[in-house]
N, C-alpha and C. Protein backbone atom coordinates (compact mmCIF):
# COMPACT_ATOMS: atom_id res chain seq x y z
N UNK A 1 -1.52 -28.21 14.14
CA UNK A 1 -0.61 -27.14 14.45
C UNK A 1 -1.42 -25.86 14.66
N UNK A 2 -1.18 -25.15 15.73
CA UNK A 2 -1.89 -23.92 16.00
C UNK A 2 -0.93 -22.75 15.86
N UNK A 3 -1.51 -21.61 15.51
CA UNK A 3 -0.73 -20.38 15.36
C UNK A 3 -1.19 -19.38 16.39
N UNK A 4 -0.25 -18.68 16.96
CA UNK A 4 -0.57 -17.63 17.93
C UNK A 4 -0.42 -16.28 17.23
N UNK A 5 -1.45 -15.47 17.34
CA UNK A 5 -1.41 -14.13 16.75
C UNK A 5 -1.44 -13.10 17.84
N UNK A 6 -0.49 -12.19 17.81
CA UNK A 6 -0.46 -11.10 18.79
C UNK A 6 -1.58 -10.11 18.46
N UNK A 7 -2.14 -9.52 19.50
CA UNK A 7 -3.18 -8.52 19.28
C UNK A 7 -2.58 -7.32 18.60
N UNK A 8 -3.29 -6.78 17.60
CA UNK A 8 -2.81 -5.62 16.88
C UNK A 8 -3.82 -4.50 17.00
N UNK A 9 -3.31 -3.31 17.14
CA UNK A 9 -4.19 -2.14 17.14
C UNK A 9 -4.05 -1.47 15.79
N UNK A 10 -5.18 -1.24 15.14
CA UNK A 10 -5.19 -0.57 13.85
C UNK A 10 -5.47 0.91 14.10
N UNK A 11 -4.58 1.79 13.63
CA UNK A 11 -4.79 3.23 13.85
C UNK A 11 -6.12 3.70 13.25
N UNK A 12 -6.74 4.67 13.90
CA UNK A 12 -8.00 5.22 13.41
C UNK A 12 -7.80 5.76 12.00
N UNK A 13 -8.72 5.45 11.11
CA UNK A 13 -8.65 5.91 9.73
C UNK A 13 -7.88 4.96 8.82
N UNK A 14 -7.22 3.95 9.39
CA UNK A 14 -6.48 2.99 8.57
C UNK A 14 -7.40 1.87 8.13
N UNK A 15 -7.05 1.21 7.05
CA UNK A 15 -7.81 0.09 6.55
C UNK A 15 -7.01 -1.17 6.78
N UNK A 16 -7.59 -2.13 7.48
CA UNK A 16 -6.92 -3.39 7.73
C UNK A 16 -7.27 -4.34 6.62
N UNK A 17 -6.25 -4.89 5.96
CA UNK A 17 -6.46 -5.77 4.81
C UNK A 17 -5.85 -7.13 5.08
N UNK A 18 -6.46 -8.18 4.53
CA UNK A 18 -5.85 -9.49 4.52
C UNK A 18 -5.09 -9.59 3.21
N UNK A 19 -3.82 -9.94 3.30
CA UNK A 19 -3.01 -10.00 2.10
C UNK A 19 -3.00 -11.42 1.54
N UNK A 20 -2.56 -11.55 0.30
CA UNK A 20 -2.49 -12.85 -0.36
C UNK A 20 -1.82 -13.87 0.53
N UNK A 21 -2.41 -15.04 0.62
CA UNK A 21 -1.85 -16.10 1.44
C UNK A 21 -2.53 -16.19 2.79
N UNK A 22 -3.23 -15.17 3.21
CA UNK A 22 -3.97 -15.21 4.46
C UNK A 22 -5.39 -15.67 4.19
N UNK A 23 -6.07 -16.12 5.23
CA UNK A 23 -7.43 -16.60 5.09
C UNK A 23 -8.31 -15.55 4.46
N UNK A 24 -9.09 -15.93 3.47
CA UNK A 24 -10.03 -15.02 2.85
C UNK A 24 -9.48 -14.29 1.64
N UNK A 25 -8.17 -14.28 1.46
CA UNK A 25 -7.60 -13.59 0.30
C UNK A 25 -7.77 -14.46 -0.94
N UNK A 26 -7.91 -13.83 -2.09
CA UNK A 26 -8.09 -14.55 -3.33
C UNK A 26 -6.86 -14.34 -4.19
N UNK A 27 -5.95 -15.32 -4.18
CA UNK A 27 -4.71 -15.21 -4.94
C UNK A 27 -4.95 -15.32 -6.43
N UNK A 28 -6.16 -15.66 -6.84
CA UNK A 28 -6.43 -15.80 -8.26
C UNK A 28 -6.96 -14.52 -8.90
N UNK A 29 -7.09 -13.43 -8.16
CA UNK A 29 -7.56 -12.20 -8.76
C UNK A 29 -6.52 -11.69 -9.74
N UNK A 30 -6.96 -11.00 -10.78
CA UNK A 30 -6.06 -10.60 -11.86
C UNK A 30 -4.93 -9.68 -11.40
N UNK A 31 -5.18 -8.86 -10.40
CA UNK A 31 -4.14 -7.94 -9.98
C UNK A 31 -3.04 -8.64 -9.19
N UNK A 32 -3.35 -9.80 -8.61
CA UNK A 32 -2.34 -10.52 -7.83
C UNK A 32 -1.56 -11.50 -8.67
N UNK A 33 -2.03 -11.80 -9.87
CA UNK A 33 -1.36 -12.78 -10.73
C UNK A 33 0.05 -12.33 -11.09
N UNK A 34 0.23 -11.03 -11.37
CA UNK A 34 1.54 -10.47 -11.69
C UNK A 34 1.74 -9.25 -10.79
N UNK A 35 2.51 -9.40 -9.71
CA UNK A 35 2.70 -8.27 -8.80
C UNK A 35 3.30 -7.07 -9.52
N UNK A 36 2.83 -5.89 -9.21
CA UNK A 36 3.32 -4.66 -9.81
C UNK A 36 4.18 -3.93 -8.79
N UNK A 37 5.48 -4.03 -8.92
CA UNK A 37 6.40 -3.46 -7.96
C UNK A 37 6.36 -1.93 -7.95
N UNK A 38 5.80 -1.32 -9.00
CA UNK A 38 5.78 0.14 -9.07
C UNK A 38 4.61 0.74 -8.30
N UNK A 39 3.66 -0.10 -7.85
CA UNK A 39 2.50 0.42 -7.14
C UNK A 39 2.90 0.86 -5.75
N UNK A 40 2.47 2.06 -5.38
CA UNK A 40 2.82 2.59 -4.07
C UNK A 40 1.66 2.45 -3.11
N UNK A 41 1.70 3.17 -2.04
CA UNK A 41 0.69 3.12 -0.99
C UNK A 41 -0.73 3.30 -1.53
N UNK A 42 -1.67 2.61 -0.91
CA UNK A 42 -3.05 2.63 -1.39
C UNK A 42 -3.80 3.89 -0.96
N UNK A 43 -3.36 4.53 0.07
CA UNK A 43 -4.11 5.66 0.59
C UNK A 43 -3.21 6.88 0.70
N UNK A 44 -3.70 8.00 0.25
CA UNK A 44 -2.98 9.26 0.41
C UNK A 44 -3.35 9.84 1.78
N UNK A 45 -2.33 10.23 2.52
CA UNK A 45 -2.59 10.82 3.83
C UNK A 45 -2.83 12.31 3.68
N UNK A 46 -3.91 12.78 4.28
CA UNK A 46 -4.26 14.20 4.21
C UNK A 46 -4.75 14.63 5.58
N UNK A 47 -4.28 15.77 6.02
CA UNK A 47 -4.78 16.31 7.28
C UNK A 47 -6.27 16.61 7.13
N UNK A 48 -6.98 16.49 8.23
CA UNK A 48 -8.41 16.77 8.19
C UNK A 48 -8.62 18.21 7.75
N UNK A 49 -9.39 18.39 6.67
CA UNK A 49 -9.61 19.71 6.13
C UNK A 49 -11.09 19.84 5.78
N UNK A 50 -11.76 20.73 6.44
CA UNK A 50 -13.21 20.90 6.24
C UNK A 50 -13.53 21.41 4.82
N UNK A 51 -12.54 21.91 4.11
CA UNK A 51 -12.81 22.45 2.77
C UNK A 51 -12.86 21.35 1.69
N UNK A 52 -12.47 20.12 2.05
CA UNK A 52 -12.50 19.03 1.09
C UNK A 52 -13.90 18.47 0.92
N UNK A 53 -14.23 18.08 -0.32
CA UNK A 53 -15.50 17.45 -0.64
C UNK A 53 -15.29 15.94 -0.53
N UNK A 54 -16.19 15.25 0.14
CA UNK A 54 -16.08 13.81 0.31
C UNK A 54 -17.25 13.10 -0.36
N UNK A 55 -16.95 12.04 -1.11
CA UNK A 55 -18.00 11.27 -1.76
C UNK A 55 -17.67 9.78 -1.64
N UNK A 56 -18.69 8.97 -1.39
CA UNK A 56 -18.53 7.53 -1.27
C UNK A 56 -19.06 6.83 -2.51
N UNK A 57 -18.36 5.77 -2.94
CA UNK A 57 -18.76 4.99 -4.09
C UNK A 57 -18.70 3.50 -3.72
N UNK A 58 -19.66 2.73 -4.19
CA UNK A 58 -19.65 1.27 -4.00
C UNK A 58 -18.95 0.66 -5.21
N UNK A 59 -17.88 -0.07 -4.96
CA UNK A 59 -17.06 -0.64 -6.05
C UNK A 59 -17.02 -2.15 -5.89
N UNK A 60 -17.35 -2.85 -6.98
CA UNK A 60 -17.37 -4.31 -7.00
C UNK A 60 -16.10 -4.86 -7.63
N UNK A 61 -15.68 -6.02 -7.13
CA UNK A 61 -14.61 -6.78 -7.75
C UNK A 61 -13.27 -6.77 -7.06
N UNK A 62 -13.07 -5.89 -6.08
CA UNK A 62 -11.77 -5.86 -5.40
C UNK A 62 -11.69 -7.02 -4.41
N UNK A 63 -10.50 -7.66 -4.36
CA UNK A 63 -10.36 -8.82 -3.48
C UNK A 63 -9.19 -8.70 -2.51
N UNK A 64 -8.29 -7.73 -2.73
CA UNK A 64 -7.09 -7.69 -1.88
C UNK A 64 -6.47 -6.29 -1.85
N UNK A 65 -5.37 -6.16 -1.14
CA UNK A 65 -4.67 -4.91 -1.03
C UNK A 65 -4.13 -4.40 -2.35
N UNK A 66 -3.75 -5.30 -3.22
CA UNK A 66 -3.24 -4.87 -4.54
C UNK A 66 -4.36 -4.25 -5.37
N UNK A 67 -5.56 -4.82 -5.26
CA UNK A 67 -6.74 -4.24 -5.94
C UNK A 67 -6.95 -2.81 -5.44
N UNK A 68 -6.88 -2.66 -4.12
CA UNK A 68 -7.06 -1.33 -3.50
C UNK A 68 -6.01 -0.36 -4.04
N UNK A 69 -4.78 -0.81 -4.18
CA UNK A 69 -3.70 0.03 -4.70
C UNK A 69 -3.99 0.51 -6.11
N UNK A 70 -4.46 -0.41 -6.97
CA UNK A 70 -4.77 -0.03 -8.35
C UNK A 70 -5.88 1.01 -8.43
N UNK A 71 -6.96 0.78 -7.68
CA UNK A 71 -8.09 1.71 -7.70
C UNK A 71 -7.65 3.06 -7.12
N UNK A 72 -6.93 3.02 -6.01
CA UNK A 72 -6.49 4.26 -5.37
C UNK A 72 -5.58 5.07 -6.28
N UNK A 73 -4.68 4.40 -6.97
CA UNK A 73 -3.77 5.11 -7.87
C UNK A 73 -4.51 5.77 -9.02
N UNK A 74 -5.48 5.08 -9.60
CA UNK A 74 -6.26 5.67 -10.69
C UNK A 74 -7.06 6.87 -10.21
N UNK A 75 -7.70 6.74 -9.05
CA UNK A 75 -8.50 7.84 -8.52
C UNK A 75 -7.62 9.03 -8.14
N UNK A 76 -6.44 8.76 -7.60
CA UNK A 76 -5.52 9.84 -7.21
C UNK A 76 -5.06 10.65 -8.42
N UNK A 77 -5.17 10.06 -9.61
CA UNK A 77 -4.78 10.75 -10.82
C UNK A 77 -5.80 11.76 -11.32
N UNK A 78 -6.98 11.78 -10.73
CA UNK A 78 -8.00 12.74 -11.12
C UNK A 78 -7.63 14.10 -10.50
N UNK A 79 -7.68 15.14 -11.29
CA UNK A 79 -7.35 16.48 -10.81
C UNK A 79 -8.22 16.85 -9.61
N UNK A 80 -7.58 17.31 -8.54
CA UNK A 80 -8.29 17.75 -7.34
C UNK A 80 -8.41 16.70 -6.25
N UNK A 81 -8.14 15.43 -6.56
CA UNK A 81 -8.25 14.39 -5.55
C UNK A 81 -7.10 14.52 -4.57
N UNK A 82 -7.46 14.60 -3.28
CA UNK A 82 -6.48 14.75 -2.22
C UNK A 82 -6.29 13.47 -1.42
N UNK A 83 -7.30 12.61 -1.35
CA UNK A 83 -7.20 11.37 -0.58
C UNK A 83 -8.20 10.35 -1.08
N UNK A 84 -7.80 9.08 -0.96
CA UNK A 84 -8.68 7.96 -1.30
C UNK A 84 -8.59 6.97 -0.16
N UNK A 85 -9.74 6.54 0.36
CA UNK A 85 -9.80 5.55 1.43
C UNK A 85 -10.71 4.44 0.96
N UNK A 86 -10.32 3.20 1.25
CA UNK A 86 -11.11 2.05 0.83
C UNK A 86 -11.42 1.16 2.03
N UNK A 87 -12.70 0.83 2.20
CA UNK A 87 -13.12 -0.18 3.17
C UNK A 87 -13.35 -1.44 2.35
N UNK A 88 -12.31 -2.29 2.30
CA UNK A 88 -12.32 -3.48 1.45
C UNK A 88 -13.25 -4.55 1.98
N UNK A 89 -14.11 -5.05 1.10
CA UNK A 89 -14.94 -6.22 1.37
C UNK A 89 -14.51 -7.21 0.29
N UNK A 90 -13.54 -8.07 0.64
CA UNK A 90 -12.96 -8.99 -0.34
C UNK A 90 -14.05 -9.83 -1.02
N UNK A 91 -14.10 -9.71 -2.34
CA UNK A 91 -15.07 -10.48 -3.12
C UNK A 91 -16.47 -9.92 -3.13
N UNK A 92 -16.67 -8.80 -2.42
CA UNK A 92 -18.00 -8.19 -2.36
C UNK A 92 -17.97 -6.78 -2.91
N UNK A 93 -18.77 -5.92 -2.32
CA UNK A 93 -18.82 -4.52 -2.73
C UNK A 93 -18.12 -3.69 -1.65
N UNK A 94 -17.05 -3.02 -2.05
CA UNK A 94 -16.25 -2.21 -1.14
C UNK A 94 -16.66 -0.76 -1.22
N UNK A 95 -16.49 -0.02 -0.12
CA UNK A 95 -16.78 1.41 -0.10
C UNK A 95 -15.49 2.17 -0.33
N UNK A 96 -15.50 3.02 -1.36
CA UNK A 96 -14.35 3.86 -1.69
C UNK A 96 -14.75 5.31 -1.41
N UNK A 97 -14.01 5.95 -0.53
CA UNK A 97 -14.26 7.35 -0.20
C UNK A 97 -13.21 8.20 -0.88
N UNK A 98 -13.66 9.19 -1.64
CA UNK A 98 -12.76 10.07 -2.36
C UNK A 98 -12.95 11.48 -1.79
N UNK A 99 -11.84 12.08 -1.38
CA UNK A 99 -11.86 13.47 -0.88
C UNK A 99 -11.14 14.32 -1.91
N UNK A 100 -11.79 15.41 -2.29
CA UNK A 100 -11.23 16.27 -3.34
C UNK A 100 -11.48 17.75 -3.02
N UNK A 101 -10.75 18.59 -3.75
CA UNK A 101 -10.87 20.03 -3.52
C UNK A 101 -12.14 20.60 -4.12
N UNK A 102 -12.77 19.87 -5.05
CA UNK A 102 -14.03 20.29 -5.67
C UNK A 102 -14.83 19.02 -5.98
N UNK A 103 -16.14 19.14 -6.14
CA UNK A 103 -16.93 17.94 -6.47
C UNK A 103 -16.43 17.30 -7.78
N UNK A 104 -16.42 15.97 -7.79
CA UNK A 104 -16.03 15.21 -8.97
C UNK A 104 -17.27 14.72 -9.68
N UNK A 105 -17.18 14.55 -10.99
CA UNK A 105 -18.32 13.96 -11.71
C UNK A 105 -18.29 12.45 -11.48
N UNK A 106 -19.48 11.86 -11.41
CA UNK A 106 -19.57 10.41 -11.24
C UNK A 106 -18.91 9.71 -12.43
N UNK A 107 -19.02 10.31 -13.63
CA UNK A 107 -18.43 9.73 -14.83
C UNK A 107 -16.90 9.65 -14.71
N UNK A 108 -16.27 10.68 -14.16
CA UNK A 108 -14.80 10.68 -14.02
C UNK A 108 -14.36 9.62 -13.03
N UNK A 109 -15.09 9.49 -11.93
CA UNK A 109 -14.75 8.46 -10.94
C UNK A 109 -14.97 7.07 -11.52
N UNK A 110 -16.10 6.85 -12.19
CA UNK A 110 -16.38 5.54 -12.80
C UNK A 110 -15.32 5.18 -13.83
N UNK A 111 -14.90 6.14 -14.64
CA UNK A 111 -13.88 5.89 -15.66
C UNK A 111 -12.54 5.48 -15.02
N UNK A 112 -12.16 6.13 -13.95
CA UNK A 112 -10.91 5.81 -13.26
C UNK A 112 -10.99 4.41 -12.65
N UNK A 113 -12.11 4.09 -12.03
CA UNK A 113 -12.30 2.77 -11.41
C UNK A 113 -12.28 1.69 -12.49
N UNK A 114 -12.94 1.95 -13.62
CA UNK A 114 -12.96 0.99 -14.73
C UNK A 114 -11.57 0.82 -15.33
N UNK A 115 -10.79 1.88 -15.40
CA UNK A 115 -9.42 1.80 -15.91
C UNK A 115 -8.57 0.86 -15.04
N UNK A 116 -8.89 0.82 -13.74
CA UNK A 116 -8.18 -0.08 -12.81
C UNK A 116 -8.70 -1.52 -12.92
N UNK A 117 -9.83 -1.71 -13.60
CA UNK A 117 -10.34 -3.05 -13.81
C UNK A 117 -11.55 -3.43 -12.94
N UNK A 118 -12.20 -2.43 -12.35
CA UNK A 118 -13.32 -2.70 -11.43
C UNK A 118 -14.53 -1.87 -11.85
N UNK A 119 -15.61 -1.96 -11.08
CA UNK A 119 -16.85 -1.29 -11.48
C UNK A 119 -17.51 -0.58 -10.33
N UNK A 120 -17.89 0.69 -10.56
CA UNK A 120 -18.72 1.43 -9.60
C UNK A 120 -20.14 0.95 -9.76
N UNK A 121 -20.73 0.41 -8.69
CA UNK A 121 -22.09 -0.12 -8.78
C UNK A 121 -23.12 0.81 -8.15
N UNK A 122 -22.67 1.78 -7.36
CA UNK A 122 -23.60 2.75 -6.74
C UNK A 122 -22.79 3.89 -6.15
N UNK A 123 -23.50 5.00 -5.95
CA UNK A 123 -22.89 6.13 -5.26
C UNK A 123 -23.64 6.38 -4.00
């Protein structure tokens, strides 16, 4: 049996994710075991603002969109964070970009990521 997939255009700045049940997704990750209906969008939308500070972090352990939601929600809770973007590498090391009104300490970001159940492995 073959499946036909229509071509999709992903808007610039959006992150394309494979969700549970699709090829490459890991339904056994801890965040997918019990879906959290209270989790909202993974990325905060912010107009381009040159006054924001941007920092990238390498985060290990994320496998799906729900993982991204958990990490994004924890990081969004840090004072001054305006946006969180994730380039998901399922089962590998993902790049998390945090935009804030002032520089954040690496310790604050690491603590938020760890609270979500993952690990910052590099900045």
